[in-house]
Amino acid sequence: MARIPAAKPVSRQFLTKRFMESALHQHQTKGEMRRALSEARRSLTPPERRERSRRIAALCRGIAGFSSAEVVCSYVDFREEVETAGLIAELLLEGRRVAVPVHQHGTAQPLVFAEIHALSEMVRNHFGILQPPHTAGRLVPTAAIPLFLVPGLAFDPAGRRLGYGLGCYDRAFADAAPGALKVGLAFELQLLACVPADPHDVPMDAVVTEDRVIQPAAGAGSPTRRW
């Protein structure tokens, strides 16, 4: 009797990709989507995440407006997010001005931005995210920042973003200059066909993955209703 060959194991990344490309996620609540997407990011090994993040950083540099931005505001990666520490370090070595988010717990404006001069000067906040401990004299007005690198759990081709549910970036972007570029960074497995959005959600002007730069149609980057 002929032996039936054993089935090849299916990787979690393959299953994740199939799920994200299907319409199944559109029937989930935002909470369920966040849990599924967090698990999807964890499917990448640290070396895979590091290499894909390096490719994303390289593609970021080719975005129109990146090289000329007087200040680049970048999130500092946390847990399984696209890693930004390497890009931040490179920009600082080049003499570029870099600002990072500062979380102000329990305030009307939970997210502001402060300039840093070295990665080593930052400490972990109450979320566990690195930020400068002292911001006196370093705060950069949101309206004065021409380019933001933004984290998220998911993005779609229209630039819609699924964040962590606190609305910090959406509130902050209500004060951004009209021409400021908002660039979402994500791995390919974080792209959805359609991200559910509320009126105050601010879409991205571009989304950068390890494989491509997605630039939505004109009109992205502004909320349809302010906070």
Foldseek 3Di string as FASTA:
>chain_A
DDDDDDDDDDAPLVVLLVVQADCVCVPDDLVVLLVSLVVNLVSDDVVRLQVFLVLLLVVVCVDPPPVVWQEEEEECDDDSWRHCQVVVQVCLVVVGWYKYWDADPPDPQGIFIFTDNHQVQWDQDPVGGTDHPDRVVTTDQQQSGQEYEDEASAAELQQFGHHDPPCNVLQSLVRYHPNRFYEYEDAPSRYHNDDDDDQSGAGGQWYTTSPDIRGHDPPGGGGNDHD
